Amino acid sequence: MIFNEYDWAVEKKKNRGKVIWWAELGIRGREDPPRDCLDVVEKLENSFPELAGFVFWSDNGHYNVIGNINGPELMTHPNIVTINE
């Protein structure tokens, strides 16, 4: 996962009381093999600890839980809040 603006966003959070929200998260590229969604939780917690939340970028399965391993487990993970329809 690449979040080039993360350090900038952390600075805004600290200096201006902003919340960091990743508006376009994608789990993997179209040609990459399925990825374990629980690995995504670990990566977010370890690499982006100031992040308050995220939204998946697309309804294409390779970008979100549909086409990846442990999707339902990601959505019920205790550190994830899911908005139900």
PDB file of N, CA and C in Angstrom:
ATOM      1  N   MET A   1       0.835  -1.179   0.000  1.00  0.00           N
ATOM      2  CA  MET A   1       0.000   0.000   0.000  1.00  0.00           C
ATOM      3  C   MET A   1       0.878   1.240   0.000  1.00  0.00           C
ATOM      4  N   ILE A   2       0.517   2.152  -0.838  1.00  0.00           N
ATOM      5  CA  ILE A   2       1.271   3.393  -0.974  1.00  0.00           C
ATOM      6  C   ILE A   2       0.368   4.556  -0.564  1.00  0.00           C
ATOM      7  N   PHE A   3       0.852   5.355   0.359  1.00  0.00           N
ATOM      8  CA  PHE A   3       0.115   6.541   0.817  1.00  0.00           C
ATOM      9  C   PHE A   3       1.150   7.656   0.898  1.00  0.00           C
ATOM     10  N   ASN A   4       1.468   8.232  -0.264  1.00  0.00           N
ATOM     11  CA  ASN A   4       2.533   9.233  -0.362  1.00  0.00           C
ATOM     12  C   ASN A   4       2.301  10.455   0.506  1.00  0.00           C
ATOM     13  N   GLU A   5       1.056  10.781   0.765  1.00  0.00           N
ATOM     14  CA  GLU A   5       0.738  11.990   1.527  1.00  0.00           C
ATOM     15  C   GLU A   5       0.593  11.733   3.024  1.00  0.00           C
ATOM     16  N   TYR A   6       0.942  10.542   3.481  1.00  0.00           N
ATOM     17  CA  TYR A   6       0.706  10.193   4.881  1.00  0.00           C
ATOM     18  C   TYR A   6       1.408  11.150   5.845  1.00  0.00           C
ATOM     19  N   ASP A   7       2.692  11.407   5.644  1.00  0.00           N
ATOM     20  CA  ASP A   7       3.413  12.310   6.554  1.00  0.00           C
ATOM     21  C   ASP A   7       2.794  13.706   6.541  1.00  0.00           C
ATOM     22  N   TRP A   8       2.406  14.186   5.375  1.00  0.00           N
ATOM     23  CA  TRP A   8       1.722  15.476   5.247  1.00  0.00           C
ATOM     24  C   TRP A   8       0.415  15.465   6.036  1.00  0.00           C
ATOM     25  N   ALA A   9      -0.346  14.362   5.906  1.00  0.00           N
ATOM     26  CA  ALA A   9      -1.630  14.257   6.601  1.00  0.00           C
ATOM     27  C   ALA A   9      -1.445  14.202   8.113  1.00  0.00           C
ATOM     28  N   VAL A  10      -0.418  13.497   8.582  1.00  0.00           N
ATOM     29  CA  VAL A  10      -0.143  13.436  10.029  1.00  0.00           C
ATOM     30  C   VAL A  10       0.180  14.825  10.547  1.00  0.00           C
ATOM     31  N   GLU A  11       0.939  15.589   9.787  1.00  0.00           N
ATOM     32  CA  GLU A  11       1.269  16.958  10.183  1.00  0.00           C
ATOM     33  C   GLU A  11       0.005  17.813  10.279  1.00  0.00           C
ATOM     34  N   LYS A  12      -0.908  17.670   9.315  1.00  0.00           N
ATOM     35  CA  LYS A  12      -2.182  18.403   9.351  1.00  0.00           C
ATOM     36  C   LYS A  12      -3.007  17.988  10.563  1.00  0.00           C
ATOM     37  N   LYS A  13      -2.986  16.702  10.868  1.00  0.00           N
ATOM     38  CA  LYS A  13      -3.738  16.213  12.028  1.00  0.00           C
ATOM     39  C   LYS A  13      -3.203  16.841  13.311  1.00  0.00           C
ATOM     40  N   LYS A  14      -1.902  16.849  13.455  1.00  0.00           N
ATOM     41  CA  LYS A  14      -1.284  17.360  14.678  1.00  0.00           C
ATOM     42  C   LYS A  14      -1.409  18.872  14.805  1.00  0.00           C
ATOM     43  N   ASN A  15      -1.248  19.590  13.711  1.00  0.00           N
ATOM     44  CA  ASN A  15      -1.222  21.049  13.770  1.00  0.00           C
ATOM     45  C   ASN A  15      -2.573  21.722  13.587  1.00  0.00           C
ATOM     46  N   ARG A  16      -3.516  21.016  12.968  1.00  0.00           N
ATOM     47  CA  ARG A  16      -4.798  21.648  12.663  1.00  0.00           C
ATOM     48  C   ARG A  16      -6.003  20.836  13.109  1.00  0.00           C
ATOM     49  N   GLY A  17      -5.758  19.757  13.857  1.00  0.00           N
ATOM     50  CA  GLY A  17      -6.869  18.957  14.370  1.00  0.00           C
ATOM     51  C   GLY A  17      -7.644  18.196  13.310  1.00  0.00           C
ATOM     52  N   LYS A  18      -6.984  17.854  12.211  1.00  0.00           N
ATOM     53  CA  LYS A  18      -7.649  17.143  11.124  1.00  0.00           C
ATOM     54  C   LYS A  18      -7.708  15.644  11.408  1.00  0.00           C
ATOM     55  N   VAL A  19      -8.589  14.952  10.715  1.00  0.00           N
ATOM     56  CA  VAL A  19      -8.712  13.504  10.778  1.00  0.00           C
ATOM     57  C   VAL A  19      -8.156  12.943   9.474  1.00  0.00           C
ATOM     58  N   ILE A  20      -7.424  11.845   9.557  1.00  0.00           N
ATOM     59  CA  ILE A  20      -6.862  11.231   8.354  1.00  0.00           C
ATOM     60  C   ILE A  20      -7.792  10.110   7.904  1.00  0.00           C
ATOM     61  N   TRP A  21      -8.283  10.245   6.683  1.00  0.00           N
ATOM     62  CA  TRP A  21      -9.197   9.254   6.113  1.00  0.00           C
ATOM     63  C   TRP A  21      -8.691   8.928   4.718  1.00  0.00           C
ATOM     64  N   TRP A  22      -8.465   7.652   4.449  1.00  0.00           N
ATOM     65  CA  TRP A  22      -7.965   7.225   3.144  1.00  0.00           C
ATOM     66  C   TRP A  22      -9.167   6.998   2.250  1.00  0.00           C
ATOM     67  N   ALA A  23      -9.381   7.902   1.313  1.00  0.00           N
ATOM     68  CA  ALA A  23     -10.597   7.888   0.503  1.00  0.00           C
ATOM     69  C   ALA A  23     -10.586   6.845  -0.606  1.00  0.00           C
ATOM     70  N   GLU A  24      -9.438   6.370  -1.027  1.00  0.00           N
ATOM     71  CA  GLU A  24      -9.378   5.427  -2.132  1.00  0.00           C
ATOM     72  C   GLU A  24      -8.375   4.324  -1.848  1.00  0.00           C
ATOM     73  N   LEU A  25      -8.743   3.363  -1.026  1.00  0.00           N
ATOM     74  CA  LEU A  25      -7.865   2.248  -0.690  1.00  0.00           C
ATOM     75  C   LEU A  25      -8.129   1.107  -1.660  1.00  0.00           C
ATOM     76  N   GLY A  26      -7.069   0.551  -2.208  1.00  0.00           N
ATOM     77  CA  GLY A  26      -7.161  -0.652  -3.029  1.00  0.00           C
ATOM     78  C   GLY A  26      -6.242  -1.712  -2.450  1.00  0.00           C
ATOM     79  N   ILE A  27      -6.720  -2.948  -2.346  1.00  0.00           N
ATOM     80  CA  ILE A  27      -5.928  -4.002  -1.724  1.00  0.00           C
ATOM     81  C   ILE A  27      -4.802  -4.469  -2.631  1.00  0.00           C
ATOM     82  N   ARG A  28      -5.066  -4.584  -3.940  1.00  0.00           N
ATOM     83  CA  ARG A  28      -4.044  -5.076  -4.864  1.00  0.00           C
ATOM     84  C   ARG A  28      -4.366  -4.618  -6.281  1.00  0.00           C
ATOM     85  N   GLY A  29      -3.421  -4.799  -7.174  1.00  0.00           N
ATOM     86  CA  GLY A  29      -3.643  -4.486  -8.575  1.00  0.00           C
ATOM     87  C   GLY A  29      -4.380  -5.605  -9.291  1.00  0.00           C
ATOM     88  N   ARG A  30      -4.892  -5.306 -10.451  1.00  0.00           N
ATOM     89  CA  ARG A  30      -5.688  -6.254 -11.236  1.00  0.00           C
ATOM     90  C   ARG A  30      -4.924  -7.553 -11.525  1.00  0.00           C
ATOM     91  N   GLU A  31      -3.640  -7.472 -11.808  1.00  0.00           N
ATOM     92  CA  GLU A  31      -2.848  -8.645 -12.182  1.00  0.00           C
ATOM     93  C   GLU A  31      -2.222  -9.368 -10.990  1.00  0.00           C
ATOM     94  N   ASP A  32      -2.312  -8.786  -9.795  1.00  0.00           N
ATOM     95  CA  ASP A  32      -1.719  -9.406  -8.607  1.00  0.00           C
ATOM     96  C   ASP A  32      -2.602 -10.539  -8.099  1.00  0.00           C
ATOM     97  N   PRO A  33      -2.007 -11.553  -7.458  1.00  0.00           N
ATOM     98  CA  PRO A  33      -2.821 -12.633  -6.892  1.00  0.00           C
ATOM     99  C   PRO A  33      -3.645 -12.131  -5.709  1.00  0.00           C
ATOM    100  N   PRO A  34      -4.735 -12.823  -5.371  1.00  0.00           N
ATOM    101  CA  PRO A  34      -5.544 -12.415  -4.214  1.00  0.00           C
ATOM    102  C   PRO A  34      -4.672 -12.243  -2.971  1.00  0.00           C
ATOM    103  N   ARG A  35      -5.043 -11.268  -2.179  1.00  0.00           N
ATOM    104  CA  ARG A  35      -4.289 -10.944  -0.969  1.00  0.00           C
ATOM    105  C   ARG A  35      -5.158 -11.206   0.253  1.00  0.00           C
ATOM    106  N   ASP A  36      -4.525 -11.553   1.337  1.00  0.00           N
ATOM    107  CA  ASP A  36      -5.232 -11.788   2.593  1.00  0.00           C
ATOM    108  C   ASP A  36      -5.657 -10.441   3.178  1.00  0.00           C
ATOM    109  N   CYS A  37      -6.956 -10.233   3.309  1.00  0.00           N
ATOM    110  CA  CYS A  37      -7.480  -8.967   3.828  1.00  0.00           C
ATOM    111  C   CYS A  37      -7.025  -8.691   5.257  1.00  0.00           C
ATOM    112  N   LEU A  38      -6.780  -9.727   6.040  1.00  0.00           N
ATOM    113  CA  LEU A  38      -6.323  -9.509   7.410  1.00  0.00           C
ATOM    114  C   LEU A  38      -4.902  -8.964   7.425  1.00  0.00           C
ATOM    115  N   ASP A  39      -4.124  -9.267   6.377  1.00  0.00           N
ATOM    116  CA  ASP A  39      -2.814  -8.670   6.201  1.00  0.00           C
ATOM    117  C   ASP A  39      -2.956  -7.163   5.987  1.00  0.00           C
ATOM    118  N   VAL A  40      -4.034  -6.766   5.331  1.00  0.00           N
ATOM    119  CA  VAL A  40      -4.295  -5.345   5.097  1.00  0.00           C
ATOM    120  C   VAL A  40      -4.517  -4.626   6.429  1.00  0.00           C
ATOM    121  N   VAL A  41      -5.277  -5.242   7.335  1.00  0.00           N
ATOM    122  CA  VAL A  41      -5.496  -4.637   8.662  1.00  0.00           C
ATOM    123  C   VAL A  41      -4.164  -4.447   9.368  1.00  0.00           C
ATOM    124  N   GLU A  42      -3.326  -5.474   9.361  1.00  0.00           N
ATOM    125  CA  GLU A  42      -2.023  -5.390  10.020  1.00  0.00           C
ATOM    126  C   GLU A  42      -1.167  -4.291   9.388  1.00  0.00           C
ATOM    127  N   LYS A  43      -1.170  -4.218   8.065  1.00  0.00           N
ATOM    128  CA  LYS A  43      -0.385  -3.194   7.364  1.00  0.00           C
ATOM    129  C   LYS A  43      -0.879  -1.786   7.725  1.00  0.00           C
ATOM    130  N   LEU A  44      -2.189  -1.594   7.755  1.00  0.00           N
ATOM    131  CA  LEU A  44      -2.735  -0.283   8.114  1.00  0.00           C
ATOM    132  C   LEU A  44      -2.366   0.095   9.543  1.00  0.00           C
ATOM    133  N   GLU A  45      -2.506  -0.857  10.465  1.00  0.00           N
ATOM    134  CA  GLU A  45      -2.200  -0.570  11.869  1.00  0.00           C
ATOM    135  C   GLU A  45      -0.721  -0.265  12.072  1.00  0.00           C
ATOM    136  N   ASN A  46       0.153  -0.998  11.391  1.00  0.00           N
ATOM    137  CA  ASN A  46       1.593  -0.839  11.598  1.00  0.00           C
ATOM    138  C   ASN A  46       2.198   0.312  10.796  1.00  0.00           C
ATOM    139  N   SER A  47       1.708   0.547   9.596  1.00  0.00           N
ATOM    140  CA  SER A  47       2.312   1.558   8.731  1.00  0.00           C
ATOM    141  C   SER A  47       1.612   2.916   8.791  1.00  0.00           C
ATOM    142  N   PHE A  48       0.328   2.919   9.131  1.00  0.00           N
ATOM    143  CA  PHE A  48      -0.452   4.154   9.131  1.00  0.00           C
ATOM    144  C   PHE A  48      -1.272   4.268  10.420  1.00  0.00           C
ATOM    145  N   PRO A  49      -0.615   4.309  11.578  1.00  0.00           N
ATOM    146  CA  PRO A  49      -1.343   4.274  12.849  1.00  0.00           C
ATOM    147  C   PRO A  49      -2.233   5.491  13.103  1.00  0.00           C
ATOM    148  N   GLU A  50      -2.008   6.592  12.431  1.00  0.00           N
ATOM    149  CA  GLU A  50      -2.819   7.790  12.628  1.00  0.00           C
ATOM    150  C   GLU A  50      -4.084   7.784  11.774  1.00  0.00           C
ATOM    151  N   LEU A  51      -4.238   6.789  10.924  1.00  0.00           N
ATOM    152  CA  LEU A  51      -5.377   6.700  10.017  1.00  0.00           C
ATOM    153  C   LEU A  51      -6.655   6.411  10.784  1.00  0.00           C
ATOM    154  N   ALA A  52      -7.685   7.214  10.541  1.00  0.00           N
ATOM    155  CA  ALA A  52      -8.967   7.027  11.216  1.00  0.00           C
ATOM    156  C   ALA A  52      -9.880   6.079  10.448  1.00  0.00           C
ATOM    157  N   GLY A  53      -9.733   6.017   9.128  1.00  0.00           N
ATOM    158  CA  GLY A  53     -10.605   5.156   8.353  1.00  0.00           C
ATOM    159  C   GLY A  53     -10.250   5.143   6.886  1.00  0.00           C
ATOM    160  N   PHE A  54     -11.004   4.341   6.129  1.00  0.00           N
ATOM    161  CA  PHE A  54     -10.770   4.224   4.699  1.00  0.00           C
ATOM    162  C   PHE A  54     -12.039   3.781   3.992  1.00  0.00           C
ATOM    163  N   VAL A  55     -12.050   3.985   2.693  1.00  0.00           N
ATOM    164  CA  VAL A  55     -13.125   3.519   1.826  1.00  0.00           C
ATOM    165  C   VAL A  55     -12.452   2.807   0.663  1.00  0.00           C
ATOM    166  N   PHE A  56     -12.978   1.652   0.257  1.00  0.00           N
ATOM    167  CA  PHE A  56     -12.386   0.970  -0.883  1.00  0.00           C
ATOM    168  C   PHE A  56     -12.605   1.760  -2.156  1.00  0.00           C
ATOM    169  N   TRP A  57     -11.641   1.700  -3.038  1.00  0.00           N
ATOM    170  CA  TRP A  57     -11.592   2.524  -4.228  1.00  0.00           C
ATOM    171  C   TRP A  57     -12.620   2.143  -5.272  1.00  0.00           C
ATOM    172  N   SER A  58     -12.963   0.890  -5.386  1.00  0.00           N
ATOM    173  CA  SER A  58     -13.785   0.444  -6.499  1.00  0.00           C
ATOM    174  C   SER A  58     -14.571  -0.793  -6.111  1.00  0.00           C
ATOM    175  N   ASP A  59     -15.584  -1.085  -6.921  1.00  0.00           N
ATOM    176  CA  ASP A  59     -16.320  -2.325  -6.700  1.00  0.00           C
ATOM    177  C   ASP A  59     -15.674  -3.494  -7.441  1.00  0.00           C
ATOM    178  N   ASN A  60     -14.568  -3.258  -8.169  1.00  0.00           N
ATOM    179  CA  ASN A  60     -13.825  -4.358  -8.775  1.00  0.00           C
ATOM    180  C   ASN A  60     -13.202  -5.200  -7.673  1.00  0.00           C
ATOM    181  N   GLY A  61     -13.369  -6.513  -7.755  1.00  0.00           N
ATOM    182  CA  GLY A  61     -12.940  -7.408  -6.684  1.00  0.00           C
ATOM    183  C   GLY A  61     -11.486  -7.331  -6.299  1.00  0.00           C
ATOM    184  N   HIS A  62     -10.612  -7.030  -7.245  1.00  0.00           N
ATOM    185  CA  HIS A  62      -9.192  -6.999  -6.896  1.00  0.00           C
ATOM    186  C   HIS A  62      -8.852  -5.818  -5.993  1.00  0.00           C
ATOM    187  N   TYR A  63      -9.661  -4.794  -5.974  1.00  0.00           N
ATOM    188  CA  TYR A  63      -9.403  -3.636  -5.118  1.00  0.00           C
ATOM    189  C   TYR A  63      -9.996  -3.773  -3.722  1.00  0.00           C
ATOM    190  N   ASN A  64     -10.961  -4.641  -3.526  1.00  0.00           N
ATOM    191  CA  ASN A  64     -11.629  -4.703  -2.223  1.00  0.00           C
ATOM    192  C   ASN A  64     -11.807  -6.141  -1.744  1.00  0.00           C
ATOM    193  N   VAL A  65     -12.673  -6.362  -0.808  1.00  0.00           N
ATOM    194  CA  VAL A  65     -12.789  -7.670  -0.157  1.00  0.00           C
ATOM    195  C   VAL A  65     -13.400  -8.749  -1.040  1.00  0.00           C
ATOM    196  N   ILE A  66     -14.127  -8.388  -2.076  1.00  0.00           N
ATOM    197  CA  ILE A  66     -14.831  -9.368  -2.895  1.00  0.00           C
ATOM    198  C   ILE A  66     -13.885 -10.401  -3.500  1.00  0.00           C
ATOM    199  N   GLY A  67     -12.772  -9.951  -4.066  1.00  0.00           N
ATOM    200  CA  GLY A  67     -11.867 -10.855  -4.759  1.00  0.00           C
ATOM    201  C   GLY A  67     -10.627 -11.209  -3.977  1.00  0.00           C
ATOM    202  N   ASN A  68     -10.666 -11.053  -2.687  1.00  0.00           N
ATOM    203  CA  ASN A  68      -9.492 -11.324  -1.870  1.00  0.00           C
ATOM    204  C   ASN A  68      -9.827 -12.294  -0.735  1.00  0.00           C
ATOM    205  N   ILE A  69      -8.801 -12.811  -0.121  1.00  0.00           N
ATOM    206  CA  ILE A  69      -8.927 -13.826   0.932  1.00  0.00           C
ATOM    207  C   ILE A  69      -9.328 -13.166   2.251  1.00  0.00           C
ATOM    208  N   ASN A  70     -10.190 -13.811   3.013  1.00  0.00           N
ATOM    209  CA  ASN A  70     -10.643 -13.355   4.332  1.00  0.00           C
ATOM    210  C   ASN A  70     -11.401 -12.028   4.293  1.00  0.00           C
ATOM    211  N   GLY A  71     -12.137 -11.795   3.222  1.00  0.00           N
ATOM    212  CA  GLY A  71     -12.961 -10.590   3.119  1.00  0.00           C
ATOM    213  C   GLY A  71     -13.983 -10.467   4.232  1.00  0.00           C
ATOM    214  N   PRO A  72     -14.783 -11.527   4.488  1.00  0.00           N
ATOM    215  CA  PRO A  72     -15.756 -11.439   5.583  1.00  0.00           C
ATOM    216  C   PRO A  72     -15.091 -11.215   6.940  1.00  0.00           C
ATOM    217  N   GLU A  73     -13.907 -11.795   7.120  1.00  0.00           N
ATOM    218  CA  GLU A  73     -13.185 -11.617   8.379  1.00  0.00           C
ATOM    219  C   GLU A  73     -12.712 -10.172   8.540  1.00  0.00           C
ATOM    220  N   LEU A  74     -12.328  -9.554   7.433  1.00  0.00           N
ATOM    221  CA  LEU A  74     -11.953  -8.137   7.490  1.00  0.00           C
ATOM    222  C   LEU A  74     -13.145  -7.295   7.936  1.00  0.00           C
ATOM    223  N   MET A  75     -14.305  -7.568   7.370  1.00  0.00           N
ATOM    224  CA  MET A  75     -15.485  -6.757   7.660  1.00  0.00           C
ATOM    225  C   MET A  75     -15.998  -6.943   9.090  1.00  0.00           C
ATOM    226  N   THR A  76     -15.647  -8.066   9.725  1.00  0.00           N
ATOM    227  CA  THR A  76     -16.070  -8.302  11.112  1.00  0.00           C
ATOM    228  C   THR A  76     -14.913  -8.163  12.104  1.00  0.00           C
ATOM    229  N   HIS A  77     -13.760  -7.742  11.624  1.00  0.00           N
ATOM    230  CA  HIS A  77     -12.598  -7.562  12.494  1.00  0.00           C
ATOM    231  C   HIS A  77     -12.942  -6.521  13.561  1.00  0.00           C
ATOM    232  N   PRO A  78     -12.522  -6.721  14.803  1.00  0.00           N
ATOM    233  CA  PRO A  78     -12.879  -5.772  15.872  1.00  0.00           C
ATOM    234  C   PRO A  78     -12.345  -4.350  15.662  1.00  0.00           C
ATOM    235  N   ASN A  79     -11.346  -4.172  14.816  1.00  0.00           N
ATOM    236  CA  ASN A  79     -10.808  -2.836  14.573  1.00  0.00           C
ATOM    237  C   ASN A  79     -11.413  -2.153  13.358  1.00  0.00           C
ATOM    238  N   ILE A  80     -12.389  -2.812  12.732  1.00  0.00           N
ATOM    239  CA  ILE A  80     -13.033  -2.282  11.536  1.00  0.00           C
ATOM    240  C   ILE A  80     -14.486  -1.967  11.835  1.00  0.00           C
ATOM    241  N   VAL A  81     -14.907  -0.772  11.476  1.00  0.00           N
ATOM    242  CA  VAL A  81     -16.329  -0.389  11.592  1.00  0.00           C
ATOM    243  C   VAL A  81     -16.887  -0.390  10.179  1.00  0.00           C
ATOM    244  N   THR A  82     -17.953  -1.159   9.966  1.00  0.00           N
ATOM    245  CA  THR A  82     -18.568  -1.279   8.653  1.00  0.00           C
ATOM    246  C   THR A  82     -19.923  -0.583   8.666  1.00  0.00           C
ATOM    247  N   ILE A  83     -20.162   0.227   7.652  1.00  0.00           N
ATOM    248  CA  ILE A  83     -21.455   0.880   7.531  1.00  0.00           C
ATOM    249  C   ILE A  83     -22.372  -0.034   6.720  1.00  0.00           C
ATOM    250  N   ASN A  84     -23.434  -0.476   7.318  1.00  0.00           N
ATOM    251  CA  ASN A  84     -24.380  -1.354   6.633  1.00  0.00           C
ATOM    252  C   ASN A  84     -25.330  -0.540   5.788  1.00  0.00           C
ATOM    253  N   GLU A  85     -25.797  -1.155   4.703  1.00  0.00           N
ATOM    254  CA  GLU A  85     -26.765  -0.483   3.842  1.00  0.00           C
ATOM    255  C   GLU A  85     -28.141  -0.524   4.472  1.00  0.00           C
TER     256      GLU A  85
END
